[in-house]
Amino acid sequence: MYGFLIKYEFWKNYLDELHKRRIPVYSVSSIFRRDQIFFKWYGGTYRNVLKDFDHLFVQNEASKRYLSRIGIGRVTVVGDTRFDRVLQIRQEAKDLPLVEKFKGNNSFTFVAGSSWGPDEDIFLEYFNSHPEMKLIIAPHVIEENHLVEIISKLKRPSVRYTRADERNVLKADCLIIDCFGLLSSIYRYGEIAYIGGGFGVGIHNTLEAAVYGIPVIFGPKYQKFMEAIQLLEAKGAYSIKDYEDLKKLLERFQSDEVFLRETGDNAGYYVTSNSGAAEKIMHMINF
């Protein structure tokens, strides 16, 4: 039997109980930053919690260096198991006939996932004046008031997924996903993905979209998310700060097929090239 705590899970009571029962315990996909309490002069109690792990499998070399400075040496850099997870999700993606029918054969489809009001204000303005583009919105908050608000901002025909059928979905230019559990499968129907949250507390999951090899766009608040930073560096994603940024970017994507394809390829390669963490961990602990 083994114990696994993921990323930011450093729960002393659990660790004490696992040690009491002589169960090896591992930290998986953990990531450390210089400003965390473990590395403060007053963080001794928290440093002792880290010493309770039999091994820490961290995401990057910086984390390993920070841990080494406080005497934590049982550390291996393996990356983030979330890359393996999104690849698995892609393999298990659901077929969604209504979404496929909505998209049609040649339409340029923009998928907005986990969007909030400030995100929607920007991409809906563009969508309303660009009839060549179709839009799928999966808002972060699926409440009636918010859905009504989205519909009120639309100037083109729309339909909610739970009310769609084979006839009315063909008449819609915008498909609103008003239920849970579909977004990770929906991204594959898009030419471009927009990830919401970047005008608020921070962006949502970028990897679920990037795994399909399509360009990823998000707002300006992404700095706390390593995969977003690395996607930007890999030129598989772009960050926007306002409507004008989005307009210029989408116009380029629609007019420059090479730019669209290369950006998507960069996003997909970023995910596949960072996979394998789970296999490395299982090999090291002889699971």
Protein backbone atom coordinates (compact mmCIF):
# COMPACT_ATOMS: atom_id res chain seq x y z
CA MET A 1 0.00 0.00 0.00
CA TYR A 2 1.16 3.52 -0.84
CA GLY A 3 0.01 7.02 0.01
CA PHE A 4 -0.04 9.78 -2.63
CA LEU A 5 -0.63 13.48 -1.99
CA ILE A 6 -0.99 15.69 -5.04
CA LYS A 7 0.58 19.07 -5.81
CA TYR A 8 -0.28 21.40 -2.88
CA GLU A 9 -1.51 18.69 -0.50
CA PHE A 10 0.72 18.84 2.59
CA TRP A 11 -1.60 17.56 5.29
CA LYS A 12 0.26 16.78 8.51
CA ASN A 13 -2.52 14.71 10.09
CA TYR A 14 -2.68 12.41 7.08
CA LEU A 15 1.11 12.14 6.95
CA ASP A 16 1.29 11.27 10.67
CA GLU A 17 -1.34 8.57 10.26
CA LEU A 18 0.37 7.07 7.22
CA HIS A 19 3.70 6.93 9.07
CA LYS A 20 2.04 5.39 12.08
CA ARG A 21 0.85 2.58 9.81
CA ARG A 22 4.25 2.39 8.05
CA ILE A 23 2.75 3.25 4.68
CA PRO A 24 5.19 4.94 2.26
CA VAL A 25 3.91 8.35 1.19
CA TYR A 26 4.82 10.38 -1.88
CA SER A 27 4.18 13.91 -3.06
CA VAL A 28 3.22 13.92 -6.77
CA SER A 29 3.30 16.86 -9.22
CA SER A 30 4.28 19.22 -6.41
CA ILE A 31 5.66 22.61 -7.31
CA PHE A 32 7.43 25.09 -5.05
CA ARG A 33 8.04 28.83 -5.23
CA ARG A 34 10.45 31.01 -3.32
CA ASP A 35 7.70 32.96 -1.54
CA GLN A 36 6.08 29.89 0.06
CA ILE A 37 6.11 29.53 3.84
CA PHE A 38 8.43 26.49 3.72
CA PHE A 39 11.28 28.83 2.78
CA LYS A 40 10.63 31.59 5.32
CA TRP A 41 12.73 31.92 8.49
CA TYR A 42 9.63 31.17 10.55
CA GLY A 43 8.56 28.15 8.48
CA GLY A 44 10.25 25.42 10.52
CA THR A 45 7.04 23.58 11.39
CA TYR A 46 6.03 23.50 7.72
CA ARG A 47 9.48 22.31 6.64
CA ASN A 48 9.12 19.37 9.02
CA VAL A 49 5.94 18.38 7.19
CA LEU A 50 7.93 18.06 3.96
CA LYS A 51 10.44 15.80 5.70
CA ASP A 52 7.63 13.33 6.38
CA PHE A 53 7.44 12.39 2.69
CA ASP A 54 9.40 9.34 1.57
CA HIS A 55 9.94 11.09 -1.76
CA LEU A 56 8.77 14.22 -3.57
CA PHE A 57 8.17 14.06 -7.33
CA VAL A 58 8.27 17.70 -8.41
CA GLN A 59 7.40 19.51 -11.63
CA ASN A 60 10.58 21.49 -12.26
CA GLU A 61 14.24 22.02 -11.40
CA ALA A 62 13.49 25.25 -9.49
CA SER A 63 11.37 23.28 -7.00
CA LYS A 64 14.20 20.81 -6.49
CA ARG A 65 16.67 23.66 -5.83
CA TYR A 66 14.38 25.33 -3.26
CA LEU A 67 13.93 22.04 -1.42
CA SER A 68 17.66 21.32 -1.47
CA ARG A 69 18.35 24.63 0.30
CA ILE A 70 16.25 23.53 3.27
CA GLY A 71 17.76 20.06 3.46
CA ILE A 72 15.13 18.10 1.51
CA GLY A 73 17.04 15.73 -0.75
CA ARG A 74 14.62 12.92 -1.58
CA VAL A 75 13.39 14.77 -4.68
CA THR A 76 13.07 13.86 -8.36
CA VAL A 77 11.98 16.11 -11.22
CA VAL A 78 9.41 14.22 -13.32
CA GLY A 79 7.01 16.93 -14.52
CA ASP A 80 3.26 17.19 -14.06
CA THR A 81 0.95 14.16 -14.24
CA ARG A 82 -1.80 16.44 -15.56
CA PHE A 83 -0.23 16.12 -19.03
CA ASP A 84 -0.80 12.37 -18.88
CA ARG A 85 -4.32 12.95 -17.63
CA VAL A 86 -5.37 15.28 -20.46
CA LEU A 87 -3.94 12.85 -23.02
CA GLN A 88 -6.08 10.14 -21.47
CA ILE A 89 -9.11 12.46 -21.51
CA ARG A 90 -8.51 13.12 -25.22
CA GLN A 91 -8.50 9.38 -25.92
CA GLU A 92 -11.77 9.00 -24.01
CA ALA A 93 -13.47 12.09 -25.49
CA LYS A 94 -17.19 11.72 -26.08
CA ASP A 95 -18.73 11.88 -29.53
CA LEU A 96 -21.22 14.74 -29.52
CA PRO A 97 -23.42 14.48 -32.63
CA LEU A 98 -25.30 17.74 -31.96
CA VAL A 99 -22.05 19.68 -31.61
CA GLU A 100 -20.73 18.08 -34.79
CA LYS A 101 -23.94 18.98 -36.63
CA PHE A 102 -23.74 22.56 -35.32
CA LYS A 103 -20.17 22.93 -36.55
CA GLY A 104 -20.89 21.60 -40.03
CA ASN A 105 -18.20 20.83 -42.58
CA ASN A 106 -16.20 24.01 -43.09
CA SER A 107 -17.15 26.53 -40.42
CA PHE A 108 -14.47 28.34 -38.44
CA THR A 109 -15.44 27.54 -34.85
CA PHE A 110 -14.28 29.41 -31.75
CA VAL A 111 -14.69 27.49 -28.47
CA ALA A 112 -14.80 29.55 -25.28
CA GLY A 113 -14.37 27.41 -22.18
CA SER A 114 -14.96 28.36 -18.54
CA SER A 115 -15.79 31.93 -19.54
CA TRP A 116 -16.82 34.75 -17.20
CA GLY A 117 -18.62 38.01 -17.93
CA PRO A 118 -15.51 40.08 -18.74
CA ASP A 119 -14.30 37.38 -21.16
CA GLU A 120 -17.70 37.19 -22.81
CA ASP A 121 -17.92 40.96 -23.28
CA ILE A 122 -14.78 40.79 -25.41
CA PHE A 123 -15.31 37.73 -27.59
CA LEU A 124 -19.06 38.30 -28.05
CA GLU A 125 -18.36 41.75 -29.48
CA TYR A 126 -16.12 40.15 -32.09
CA PHE A 127 -18.51 37.27 -32.78
CA ASN A 128 -21.49 39.57 -33.31
CA SER A 129 -19.79 41.36 -36.19
CA HIS A 130 -18.11 38.35 -37.85
CA PRO A 131 -20.70 36.10 -39.50
CA GLU A 132 -18.01 33.82 -40.92
CA MET A 133 -17.32 32.44 -37.43
CA LYS A 134 -19.34 30.09 -35.24
CA LEU A 135 -19.12 30.15 -31.46
CA ILE A 136 -19.44 27.53 -28.72
CA ILE A 137 -19.60 28.95 -25.19
CA ALA A 138 -19.22 26.78 -22.10
CA PRO A 139 -19.52 29.37 -19.30
CA HIS A 140 -17.93 28.75 -15.93
CA VAL A 141 -21.15 29.65 -14.13
CA ILE A 142 -24.15 27.74 -15.45
CA GLU A 143 -26.98 29.62 -13.80
CA GLU A 144 -30.15 30.83 -15.45
CA ASN A 145 -29.38 34.51 -14.82
CA HIS A 146 -25.98 34.23 -16.41
CA LEU A 147 -27.26 32.26 -19.39
CA VAL A 148 -29.95 34.90 -19.98
CA GLU A 149 -27.27 37.60 -19.75
CA ILE A 150 -25.17 35.86 -22.43
CA ILE A 151 -28.16 35.51 -24.73
CA SER A 152 -29.05 39.19 -24.26
CA LYS A 153 -25.60 40.17 -25.55
CA LEU A 154 -25.86 38.03 -28.69
CA LYS A 155 -26.95 39.60 -31.96
CA ARG A 156 -26.87 36.32 -33.89
CA PRO A 157 -29.00 33.15 -33.58
CA SER A 158 -28.16 30.89 -30.64
CA VAL A 159 -29.40 27.72 -29.00
CA ARG A 160 -28.78 26.15 -25.62
CA TYR A 161 -27.34 22.64 -25.74
CA THR A 162 -30.07 21.14 -23.51
CA ARG A 163 -32.71 22.55 -25.89
CA ALA A 164 -30.94 21.71 -29.14
CA ASP A 165 -32.12 19.19 -31.68
CA GLU A 166 -31.05 18.22 -35.18
CA ARG A 167 -33.14 20.98 -36.74
CA ASN A 168 -32.68 24.05 -34.55
CA VAL A 169 -28.94 23.48 -34.11
CA LEU A 170 -28.52 24.02 -37.87
CA LYS A 171 -30.08 27.48 -37.60
CA ALA A 172 -27.81 28.63 -34.76
CA ASP A 173 -24.51 30.47 -35.01
CA CYS A 174 -23.80 30.15 -31.29
CA LEU A 175 -24.16 27.01 -29.18
CA ILE A 176 -24.36 27.62 -25.42
CA ILE A 177 -23.32 24.65 -23.29
CA ASP A 178 -25.69 24.83 -20.33
CA CYS A 179 -24.66 21.58 -18.62
CA PHE A 180 -21.55 20.08 -17.05
CA GLY A 181 -19.10 17.41 -18.17
CA LEU A 182 -18.75 18.17 -21.90
CA LEU A 183 -16.10 20.86 -22.20
CA SER A 184 -13.04 18.59 -22.42
CA SER A 185 -14.71 16.77 -25.34
CA ILE A 186 -15.96 19.94 -27.03
CA TYR A 187 -12.56 21.58 -27.55
CA ARG A 188 -11.81 19.19 -30.41
CA TYR A 189 -14.57 20.78 -32.48
CA GLY A 190 -12.85 24.16 -32.46
CA GLU A 191 -10.22 25.80 -34.63
CA ILE A 192 -9.30 28.04 -31.67
CA ALA A 193 -9.89 27.81 -27.93
CA TYR A 194 -10.39 30.67 -25.51
CA ILE A 195 -9.82 29.90 -21.82
CA GLY A 196 -11.76 32.09 -19.39
CA GLY A 197 -10.79 33.61 -16.05
CA GLY A 198 -7.90 35.75 -17.23
CA PHE A 199 -9.72 38.99 -16.44
CA GLY A 200 -10.53 37.85 -12.91
CA VAL A 201 -8.85 35.56 -10.39
CA GLY A 202 -6.84 33.68 -13.01
CA ILE A 203 -7.25 31.43 -16.04
CA HIS A 204 -8.75 27.96 -15.99
CA ASN A 205 -7.37 24.73 -17.48
CA THR A 206 -5.39 25.42 -20.67
CA LEU A 207 -4.15 21.87 -21.17
CA GLU A 208 -7.62 20.45 -21.89
CA ALA A 209 -7.72 22.60 -25.02
CA ALA A 210 -4.04 22.50 -26.03
CA VAL A 211 -4.06 18.69 -26.12
CA TYR A 212 -6.17 18.85 -29.30
CA GLY A 213 -3.47 20.78 -31.14
CA ILE A 214 -5.38 24.06 -31.48
CA PRO A 215 -4.25 27.60 -30.59
CA VAL A 216 -5.13 28.77 -27.08
CA ILE A 217 -6.05 32.34 -26.09
CA PHE A 218 -6.52 33.75 -22.59
CA GLY A 219 -6.62 37.02 -20.67
CA PRO A 220 -3.81 38.86 -18.87
CA LYS A 221 -3.92 37.12 -15.47
CA TYR A 222 -2.00 33.91 -16.15
CA GLN A 223 1.27 34.45 -14.25
CA LYS A 224 0.55 31.91 -11.48
CA PHE A 225 0.11 29.08 -13.97
CA MET A 226 3.33 27.51 -15.20
CA GLU A 227 1.70 25.68 -18.11
CA ALA A 228 0.25 28.96 -19.42
CA ILE A 229 3.64 30.66 -19.25
CA GLN A 230 5.28 27.72 -21.03
CA LEU A 231 2.53 27.60 -23.68
CA LEU A 232 3.22 31.26 -24.43
CA GLU A 233 6.93 30.56 -24.66
CA ALA A 234 6.23 27.62 -26.98
CA LYS A 235 4.08 29.91 -29.18
CA GLY A 236 1.10 27.62 -28.72
CA ALA A 237 -0.89 30.30 -26.89
CA TYR A 238 -1.42 34.07 -26.86
CA SER A 239 -2.56 36.38 -24.09
CA ILE A 240 -4.83 39.34 -24.77
CA LYS A 241 -5.50 42.41 -22.65
CA ASP A 242 -8.49 43.91 -24.49
CA TYR A 243 -10.85 43.67 -27.47
CA GLU A 244 -8.31 45.12 -29.92
CA ASP A 245 -5.80 42.40 -29.03
CA LEU A 246 -8.39 39.70 -29.65
CA LYS A 247 -9.52 41.28 -32.93
CA LYS A 248 -5.99 41.45 -34.35
CA LEU A 249 -5.22 37.89 -33.26
CA LEU A 250 -8.42 36.34 -34.64
CA GLU A 251 -8.11 38.21 -37.91
CA ARG A 252 -4.60 36.85 -38.31
CA PHE A 253 -5.67 33.30 -37.44
CA GLN A 254 -8.46 33.44 -40.02
CA SER A 255 -6.35 34.95 -42.79
CA ASP A 256 -3.08 33.07 -42.22
CA GLU A 257 -3.55 29.30 -42.36
CA VAL A 258 0.13 28.65 -41.70
CA PHE A 259 0.06 30.74 -38.51
CA LEU A 260 -3.10 28.92 -37.36
CA ARG A 261 -1.64 25.48 -38.05
CA GLU A 262 1.80 26.17 -36.55
CA THR A 263 0.34 27.68 -33.37
CA GLY A 264 -1.92 24.65 -32.96
CA ASP A 265 0.95 22.26 -33.61
CA ASN A 266 3.03 24.07 -31.00
CA ALA A 267 0.24 23.72 -28.43
CA GLY A 268 -0.21 20.01 -29.10
CA TYR A 269 3.52 19.30 -29.04
CA TYR A 270 3.88 21.14 -25.74
CA VAL A 271 1.44 18.68 -24.14
CA THR A 272 2.82 15.48 -25.66
CA SER A 273 6.45 16.43 -25.02
CA ASN A 274 5.74 16.98 -21.33
CA SER A 275 3.90 13.70 -20.80
CA GLY A 276 5.30 10.63 -19.06
CA ALA A 277 5.43 11.79 -15.43
CA ALA A 278 3.08 9.08 -14.21
CA GLU A 279 5.14 6.33 -15.84
CA LYS A 280 8.36 7.70 -14.32
CA ILE A 281 6.83 7.77 -10.85
CA MET A 282 5.44 4.23 -11.10
CA HIS A 283 8.84 2.98 -12.30
CA MET A 284 10.74 4.63 -9.43
CA ILE A 285 8.53 3.22 -6.70
CA ASN A 286 8.24 -0.21 -8.40
CA PHE A 287 4.46 0.10 -8.45
